[in-house]
C-alpha atoms as a PDB file:
ATOM      1  CA  UNK A   1       4.798  11.277 -32.044  1.00  0.00           C
ATOM      2  CA  UNK A   2       1.757  12.558 -30.159  1.00  0.00           C
ATOM      3  CA  UNK A   3       0.545   9.053 -29.291  1.00  0.00           C
ATOM      4  CA  UNK A   4       4.014   8.091 -28.085  1.00  0.00           C
ATOM      5  CA  UNK A   5       4.213  11.171 -25.881  1.00  0.00           C
ATOM      6  CA  UNK A   6       0.854  10.409 -24.279  1.00  0.00           C
ATOM      7  CA  UNK A   7       2.028   6.901 -23.482  1.00  0.00           C
ATOM      8  CA  UNK A   8       5.071   8.290 -21.689  1.00  0.00           C
ATOM      9  CA  UNK A   9       2.884  10.642 -19.680  1.00  0.00           C
ATOM     10  CA  UNK A  10       0.803   7.653 -18.585  1.00  0.00           C
ATOM     11  CA  UNK A  11       3.901   5.824 -17.374  1.00  0.00           C
ATOM     12  CA  UNK A  12       4.656   8.711 -15.057  1.00  0.00           C
ATOM     13  CA  UNK A  13       1.181   8.609 -13.588  1.00  0.00           C
ATOM     14  CA  UNK A  14       1.364   4.980 -12.590  1.00  0.00           C
ATOM     15  CA  UNK A  15       3.219   5.446  -9.329  1.00  0.00           C
ATOM     16  CA  UNK A  16       1.367   8.567  -8.282  1.00  0.00           C
ATOM     17  CA  UNK A  17      -1.349   6.385  -6.794  1.00  0.00           C
ATOM     18  CA  UNK A  18       0.933   3.742  -5.378  1.00  0.00           C
ATOM     19  CA  UNK A  19       1.672   3.012  -1.688  1.00  0.00           C
ATOM     20  CA  UNK A  20       3.765   0.217  -0.387  1.00  0.00           C
ATOM     21  CA  UNK A  21       0.799  -1.632   0.907  1.00  0.00           C
ATOM     22  CA  UNK A  22      -1.773  -3.864  -0.812  1.00  0.00           C
ATOM     23  CA  UNK A  23      -4.713  -2.250  -2.577  1.00  0.00           C
ATOM     24  CA  UNK A  24      -8.070  -3.619  -3.663  1.00  0.00           C
ATOM     25  CA  UNK A  25      -8.959  -2.071  -7.029  1.00  0.00           C
ATOM     26  CA  UNK A  26     -12.554  -0.873  -7.358  1.00  0.00           C
ATOM     27  CA  UNK A  27     -12.641   1.927  -9.930  1.00  0.00           C
ATOM     28  CA  UNK A  28     -13.409   1.664 -13.630  1.00  0.00           C
ATOM     29  CA  UNK A  29     -11.406   4.644 -14.962  1.00  0.00           C
ATOM     30  CA  UNK A  30     -12.697   4.763 -18.542  1.00  0.00           C
ATOM     31  CA  UNK A  31     -16.261   5.296 -17.347  1.00  0.00           C
ATOM     32  CA  UNK A  32     -15.253   8.427 -15.441  1.00  0.00           C
ATOM     33  CA  UNK A  33     -14.869  10.539 -18.588  1.00  0.00           C
ATOM     34  CA  UNK A  34     -17.510  11.948 -20.984  1.00  0.00           C
ATOM     35  CA  UNK A  35     -18.315   9.793 -23.968  1.00  0.00           C
ATOM     36  CA  UNK A  36     -16.403  10.877 -27.037  1.00  0.00           C
ATOM     37  CA  UNK A  37     -13.413  12.366 -25.198  1.00  0.00           C
ATOM     38  CA  UNK A  38      -9.933  11.401 -26.368  1.00  0.00           C
ATOM     39  CA  UNK A  39      -9.006   9.034 -23.503  1.00  0.00           C
ATOM     40  CA  UNK A  40      -5.726   7.150 -23.198  1.00  0.00           C
ATOM     41  CA  UNK A  41      -6.063   3.909 -21.198  1.00  0.00           C
ATOM     42  CA  UNK A  42      -3.057   2.192 -19.638  1.00  0.00           C
ATOM     43  CA  UNK A  43      -1.923  -0.560 -17.294  1.00  0.00           C
ATOM     44  CA  UNK A  44       1.596  -0.643 -15.850  1.00  0.00           C
ATOM     45  CA  UNK A  45       3.701  -2.472 -13.305  1.00  0.00           C
ATOM     46  CA  UNK A  46       4.621  -0.707 -10.061  1.00  0.00           C
ATOM     47  CA  UNK A  47       7.160  -1.280  -7.333  1.00  0.00           C
ATOM     48  CA  UNK A  48       6.840   0.674  -4.109  1.00  0.00           C
ATOM     49  CA  UNK A  49       8.264   1.055  -0.629  1.00  0.00           C
ATOM     50  CA  UNK A  50       6.990   2.842   2.443  1.00  0.00           C
ATOM     51  CA  UNK A  51       8.567   3.727   5.745  1.00  0.00           C
ATOM     52  CA  UNK A  52       6.404   3.730   8.863  1.00  0.00           C
ATOM     53  CA  UNK A  53       7.907   6.412  11.053  1.00  0.00           C
ATOM     54  CA  UNK A  54       6.884   5.062  14.467  1.00  0.00           C
ATOM     55  CA  UNK A  55       8.234   1.609  13.687  1.00  0.00           C
ATOM     56  CA  UNK A  56      11.292   3.045  11.924  1.00  0.00           C
ATOM     57  CA  UNK A  57      10.737   0.298   9.394  1.00  0.00           C
ATOM     58  CA  UNK A  58      10.628   0.149   5.596  1.00  0.00           C
ATOM     59  CA  UNK A  59       8.105  -2.194   3.981  1.00  0.00           C
ATOM     60  CA  UNK A  60       8.283  -3.423   0.377  1.00  0.00           C
ATOM     61  CA  UNK A  61       5.325  -5.402  -0.997  1.00  0.00           C
ATOM     62  CA  UNK A  62       5.548  -7.583  -4.106  1.00  0.00           C
ATOM     63  CA  UNK A  63       5.133  -5.730  -7.431  1.00  0.00           C
ATOM     64  CA  UNK A  64       1.613  -4.726  -8.432  1.00  0.00           C
ATOM     65  CA  UNK A  65      -0.289  -2.919 -11.173  1.00  0.00           C
ATOM     66  CA  UNK A  66      -1.923   0.429 -11.793  1.00  0.00           C
ATOM     67  CA  UNK A  67      -4.797   0.645 -14.261  1.00  0.00           C
ATOM     68  CA  UNK A  68      -6.011   4.051 -15.317  1.00  0.00           C
ATOM     69  CA  UNK A  69      -6.947   6.508 -18.018  1.00  0.00           C
ATOM     70  CA  UNK A  70      -5.967  10.047 -19.014  1.00  0.00           C
ATOM     71  CA  UNK A  71      -8.504  12.387 -20.593  1.00  0.00           C
ATOM     72  CA  UNK A  72      -6.446  14.346 -23.104  1.00  0.00           C
ATOM     73  CA  UNK A  73      -9.393  16.578 -24.035  1.00  0.00           C
ATOM     74  CA  UNK A  74      -9.666  17.671 -20.397  1.00  0.00           C
ATOM     75  CA  UNK A  75      -6.017  18.683 -20.206  1.00  0.00           C
ATOM     76  CA  UNK A  76      -4.538  15.497 -18.766  1.00  0.00           C
ATOM     77  CA  UNK A  77      -7.062  14.538 -16.077  1.00  0.00           C
ATOM     78  CA  UNK A  78      -6.258  11.139 -14.546  1.00  0.00           C
ATOM     79  CA  UNK A  79      -8.548   8.544 -12.943  1.00  0.00           C
ATOM     80  CA  UNK A  80      -7.305   5.139 -11.927  1.00  0.00           C
ATOM     81  CA  UNK A  81      -7.045   2.278  -9.486  1.00  0.00           C
ATOM     82  CA  UNK A  82      -4.082   0.375  -8.058  1.00  0.00           C
ATOM     83  CA  UNK A  83      -3.636  -3.203  -6.956  1.00  0.00           C
ATOM     84  CA  UNK A  84      -0.802  -4.591  -4.845  1.00  0.00           C
ATOM     85  CA  UNK A  85      -0.562  -7.979  -3.131  1.00  0.00           C
ATOM     86  CA  UNK A  86      -0.850  -8.283   0.676  1.00  0.00           C
ATOM     87  CA  UNK A  87       2.312  -7.487   2.597  1.00  0.00           C
ATOM     88  CA  UNK A  88       3.575  -8.860   5.911  1.00  0.00           C
ATOM     89  CA  UNK A  89       5.942  -7.143   8.313  1.00  0.00           C
ATOM     90  CA  UNK A  90       7.231  -7.651  11.841  1.00  0.00           C
ATOM     91  CA  UNK A  91       6.862  -5.366  14.816  1.00  0.00           C
ATOM     92  CA  UNK A  92      10.415  -4.935  16.007  1.00  0.00           C
ATOM     93  CA  UNK A  93      10.673  -1.559  17.807  1.00  0.00           C
ATOM     94  CA  UNK A  94      14.221  -0.445  18.432  1.00  0.00           C
ATOM     95  CA  UNK A  95      15.652  -3.366  16.494  1.00  0.00           C
ATOM     96  CA  UNK A  96      14.770  -5.824  19.251  1.00  0.00           C
ATOM     97  CA  UNK A  97      13.536  -9.352  18.678  1.00  0.00           C
ATOM     98  CA  UNK A  98      10.277  -9.457  16.666  1.00  0.00           C
ATOM     99  CA  UNK A  99       7.180  -9.145  18.812  1.00  0.00           C
ATOM    100  CA  UNK A 100       4.645 -10.093  16.149  1.00  0.00           C
ATOM    101  CA  UNK A 101       4.070 -10.450  12.420  1.00  0.00           C
ATOM    102  CA  UNK A 102       1.284  -8.440  10.782  1.00  0.00           C
ATOM    103  CA  UNK A 103      -0.371  -8.727   7.367  1.00  0.00           C
ATOM    104  CA  UNK A 104      -1.876  -5.510   5.977  1.00  0.00           C
ATOM    105  CA  UNK A 105      -4.138  -4.555   3.087  1.00  0.00           C
ATOM    106  CA  UNK A 106      -5.304  -1.205   1.756  1.00  0.00           C
ATOM    107  CA  UNK A 107      -8.940  -0.983   0.674  1.00  0.00           C
ATOM    108  CA  UNK A 108      -9.529   1.828  -1.792  1.00  0.00           C
ATOM    109  CA  UNK A 109     -12.179   4.300  -0.634  1.00  0.00           C
ATOM    110  CA  UNK A 110     -12.209   6.468  -3.780  1.00  0.00           C
ATOM    111  CA  UNK A 111     -10.674   6.233  -7.256  1.00  0.00           C
ATOM    112  CA  UNK A 112      -7.235   7.732  -7.658  1.00  0.00           C
ATOM    113  CA  UNK A 113      -7.571  11.192  -9.207  1.00  0.00           C
ATOM    114  CA  UNK A 114      -4.970  13.584 -10.544  1.00  0.00           C
ATOM    115  CA  UNK A 115      -3.575  15.547 -13.447  1.00  0.00           C
ATOM    116  CA  UNK A 116      -0.507  15.613 -15.661  1.00  0.00           C
ATOM    117  CA  UNK A 117       0.923  18.850 -16.990  1.00  0.00           C
ATOM    118  CA  UNK A 118       1.488  17.782 -20.582  1.00  0.00           C
ATOM    119  CA  UNK A 119       4.016  20.550 -21.192  1.00  0.00           C
ATOM    120  CA  UNK A 120       6.166  20.254 -18.039  1.00  0.00           C
ATOM    121  CA  UNK A 121       5.655  16.532 -17.378  1.00  0.00           C
ATOM    122  CA  UNK A 122       4.757  17.261 -13.771  1.00  0.00           C
ATOM    123  CA  UNK A 123       2.178  14.894 -12.318  1.00  0.00           C
ATOM    124  CA  UNK A 124       0.084  15.192  -9.160  1.00  0.00           C
ATOM    125  CA  UNK A 125      -2.552  12.785  -7.883  1.00  0.00           C
ATOM    126  CA  UNK A 126      -4.418  11.800  -4.735  1.00  0.00           C
ATOM    127  CA  UNK A 127      -5.245   8.350  -3.410  1.00  0.00           C
ATOM    128  CA  UNK A 128      -7.804   7.704  -0.635  1.00  0.00           C
ATOM    129  CA  UNK A 129      -8.028   4.368   1.148  1.00  0.00           C
ATOM    130  CA  UNK A 130      -8.519   2.529   4.437  1.00  0.00           C
ATOM    131  CA  UNK A 131      -5.712   0.474   5.934  1.00  0.00           C
ATOM    132  CA  UNK A 132      -6.897  -2.922   7.127  1.00  0.00           C
ATOM    133  CA  UNK A 133      -4.828  -5.198   9.346  1.00  0.00           C
ATOM    134  CA  UNK A 134      -5.778  -8.700   8.271  1.00  0.00           C
ATOM    135  CA  UNK A 135      -3.726 -10.570  10.794  1.00  0.00           C
ATOM    136  CA  UNK A 136      -1.366 -10.087  13.722  1.00  0.00           C
ATOM    137  CA  UNK A 137       0.329 -13.230  14.986  1.00  0.00           C
ATOM    138  CA  UNK A 138       2.534 -13.032  18.094  1.00  0.00           C
ATOM    139  CA  UNK A 139       6.033 -14.428  18.000  1.00  0.00           C
ATOM    140  CA  UNK A 140       5.858 -17.469  20.269  1.00  0.00           C
ATOM    141  CA  UNK A 141       8.744 -19.619  21.439  1.00  0.00           C
ATOM    142  CA  UNK A 142       8.872 -23.344  20.799  1.00  0.00           C
ATOM    143  CA  UNK A 143       7.957 -25.187  23.956  1.00  0.00           C
ATOM    144  CA  UNK A 144      10.098 -28.151  25.027  1.00  0.00           C
ATOM    145  CA  UNK A 145       8.626 -31.576  25.411  1.00  0.00           C
ATOM    146  CA  UNK A 146       5.452 -32.671  23.702  1.00  0.00           C
ATOM    147  CA  UNK A 147       3.212 -35.413  24.898  1.00  0.00           C
ATOM    148  CA  UNK A 148       6.293 -37.419  25.846  1.00  0.00           C
ATOM    149  CA  UNK A 149       7.605 -34.446  27.803  1.00  0.00           C
ATOM    150  CA  UNK A 150       4.350 -34.155  29.726  1.00  0.00           C
ATOM    151  CA  UNK A 151       4.728 -37.788  30.645  1.00  0.00           C
ATOM    152  CA  UNK A 152       8.310 -37.316  31.726  1.00  0.00           C
ATOM    153  CA  UNK A 153       9.800 -39.117  28.789  1.00  0.00           C
ATOM    154  CA  UNK A 154      11.210 -36.264  26.672  1.00  0.00           C
ATOM    155  CA  UNK A 155       9.511 -35.929  23.290  1.00  0.00           C
ATOM    156  CA  UNK A 156       9.602 -33.514  20.347  1.00  0.00           C
ATOM    157  CA  UNK A 157       9.385 -29.704  20.799  1.00  0.00           C
ATOM    158  CA  UNK A 158       5.914 -28.196  20.456  1.00  0.00           C
ATOM    159  CA  UNK A 159       5.106 -24.843  18.816  1.00  0.00           C
ATOM    160  CA  UNK A 160       1.755 -23.370  19.928  1.00  0.00           C
ATOM    161  CA  UNK A 161      -0.669 -22.737  17.016  1.00  0.00           C
ATOM    162  CA  UNK A 162      -0.725 -19.119  15.714  1.00  0.00           C
ATOM    163  CA  UNK A 163      -3.491 -16.872  17.014  1.00  0.00           C
ATOM    164  CA  UNK A 164      -4.798 -13.839  15.086  1.00  0.00           C
ATOM    165  CA  UNK A 165      -4.938 -11.072  17.695  1.00  0.00           C
ATOM    166  CA  UNK A 166      -7.002  -8.582  15.651  1.00  0.00           C
ATOM    167  CA  UNK A 167      -9.921 -10.578  14.262  1.00  0.00           C
ATOM    168  CA  UNK A 168     -11.394  -9.794  10.851  1.00  0.00           C
ATOM    169  CA  UNK A 169     -12.603  -6.188  11.311  1.00  0.00           C
ATOM    170  CA  UNK A 170      -9.405  -4.311  12.173  1.00  0.00           C
ATOM    171  CA  UNK A 171      -9.151  -1.085  10.151  1.00  0.00           C
ATOM    172  CA  UNK A 172      -8.286   2.595  10.384  1.00  0.00           C
ATOM    173  CA  UNK A 173     -10.898   4.865  11.960  1.00  0.00           C
ATOM    174  CA  UNK A 174     -10.944   7.095   8.866  1.00  0.00           C
ATOM    175  CA  UNK A 175      -9.558   6.956   5.310  1.00  0.00           C
ATOM    176  CA  UNK A 176      -5.964   7.883   4.568  1.00  0.00           C
ATOM    177  CA  UNK A 177      -5.458  10.568   1.914  1.00  0.00           C
ATOM    178  CA  UNK A 178      -2.138  10.791   0.119  1.00  0.00           C
ATOM    179  CA  UNK A 179      -1.184  13.440  -2.441  1.00  0.00           C
ATOM    180  CA  UNK A 180       1.815  12.503  -4.567  1.00  0.00           C
ATOM    181  CA  UNK A 181       3.842  14.327  -7.183  1.00  0.00           C
ATOM    182  CA  UNK A 182       6.896  14.031  -9.369  1.00  0.00           C
ATOM    183  CA  UNK A 183       8.395  14.605 -12.807  1.00  0.00           C
ATOM    184  CA  UNK A 184       8.048  12.061 -15.583  1.00  0.00           C
ATOM    185  CA  UNK A 185      11.118  10.709 -17.333  1.00  0.00           C
ATOM    186  CA  UNK A 186      11.213   9.727 -21.009  1.00  0.00           C
ATOM    187  CA  UNK A 187      14.413   7.677 -20.695  1.00  0.00           C
ATOM    188  CA  UNK A 188      14.094   5.721 -17.453  1.00  0.00           C
ATOM    189  CA  UNK A 189      11.485   4.479 -14.946  1.00  0.00           C
ATOM    190  CA  UNK A 190       9.492   7.268 -13.311  1.00  0.00           C
ATOM    191  CA  UNK A 191       9.694   7.612  -9.528  1.00  0.00           C
ATOM    192  CA  UNK A 192       7.378   9.624  -7.263  1.00  0.00           C
ATOM    193  CA  UNK A 193       7.476  10.349  -3.556  1.00  0.00           C
ATOM    194  CA  UNK A 194       5.161  11.629  -0.862  1.00  0.00           C
ATOM    195  CA  UNK A 195       4.220  11.589   2.824  1.00  0.00           C
ATOM    196  CA  UNK A 196       1.066  10.522   4.634  1.00  0.00           C
ATOM    197  CA  UNK A 197      -0.521  10.234   8.072  1.00  0.00           C
ATOM    198  CA  UNK A 198      -1.864   6.972   9.452  1.00  0.00           C
ATOM    199  CA  UNK A 199      -4.959   7.471  11.659  1.00  0.00           C
ATOM    200  CA  UNK A 200      -5.791   5.340  14.673  1.00  0.00           C
ATOM    201  CA  UNK A 201      -7.197   1.836  14.329  1.00  0.00           C
ATOM    202  CA  UNK A 202     -10.561   0.509  15.496  1.00  0.00           C
ATOM    203  CA  UNK A 203     -12.279  -2.856  16.062  1.00  0.00           C
ATOM    204  CA  UNK A 204      -8.975  -4.691  16.464  1.00  0.00           C
ATOM    205  CA  UNK A 205      -9.972  -6.490  19.647  1.00  0.00           C
ATOM    206  CA  UNK A 206      -7.528  -6.548  22.526  1.00  0.00           C
ATOM    207  CA  UNK A 207      -4.738  -5.473  20.141  1.00  0.00           C
ATOM    208  CA  UNK A 208      -6.334  -2.079  19.390  1.00  0.00           C
ATOM    209  CA  UNK A 209      -4.437  -0.203  22.102  1.00  0.00           C
ATOM    210  CA  UNK A 210      -1.098  -1.767  21.173  1.00  0.00           C
ATOM    211  CA  UNK A 211      -1.545  -1.034  17.452  1.00  0.00           C
ATOM    212  CA  UNK A 212      -2.425   2.584  18.191  1.00  0.00           C
ATOM    213  CA  UNK A 213       0.776   2.960  20.166  1.00  0.00           C
ATOM    214  CA  UNK A 214       3.005   1.389  17.516  1.00  0.00           C
ATOM    215  CA  UNK A 215       1.741   2.566  14.098  1.00  0.00           C
ATOM    216  CA  UNK A 216      -0.487   5.687  13.722  1.00  0.00           C
ATOM    217  CA  UNK A 217       0.971   9.136  13.198  1.00  0.00           C
ATOM    218  CA  UNK A 218       2.316  11.612  10.593  1.00  0.00           C
ATOM    219  CA  UNK A 219       5.554  11.628   8.645  1.00  0.00           C
ATOM    220  CA  UNK A 220       5.276   8.255   6.934  1.00  0.00           C
ATOM    221  CA  UNK A 221       7.046   8.273   3.560  1.00  0.00           C
ATOM    222  CA  UNK A 222       6.806   6.348   0.332  1.00  0.00           C
ATOM    223  CA  UNK A 223       8.545   5.950  -2.992  1.00  0.00           C
ATOM    224  CA  UNK A 224       6.943   4.311  -6.024  1.00  0.00           C
ATOM    225  CA  UNK A 225       8.369   3.526  -9.451  1.00  0.00           C
ATOM    226  CA  UNK A 226       6.361   2.856 -12.615  1.00  0.00           C
ATOM    227  CA  UNK A 227       7.384   0.792 -15.613  1.00  0.00           C
ATOM    228  CA  UNK A 228       5.387  -0.072 -18.771  1.00  0.00           C
END
């Protein structure tokens, strides 16, 4: 009974760390606790969504995983790390035609840390990470013609090759910190919600100003669900 209960607590903790953006896992949770402590290790699937307030857009990455451990001897202390695949989204302010497609990744700055109240099933945890924009490709129209068109003889349409507007060093100026909480469920998947602020971006080339007008700011929301 006790082992089963601990496993359910762990399920609830999975989504506490999760955002709807890709994460590079770096922590080794089991090593965070004193040797000899009663530690419950787990790995679960997560699905998550986030809404970026300025874009008025909800983003849903592919499912990922959360790997972590709970120190029962320390009253339910949690340390873990999450991993989600890269996610792409379009900049379409006001529902207009897409301006560009971006690919984003979250790089974990610190291990996820938190605690579960083993009596009330309430869980709280904090995740700290940097948001990196891997690529921004402008939406470009297909040009008529082709070589034949240039020569006055018609030809096939030509689509200009995609250009990454942000280079390979585009990231937030400072880490994002998100504190999440929720109540675990013993009979269905556990869902947790929270809000976070996106800081300004840096080293994004000529796109830095545009990104800082479109994305950063408070009031961004997320919802994450954990399943064993």
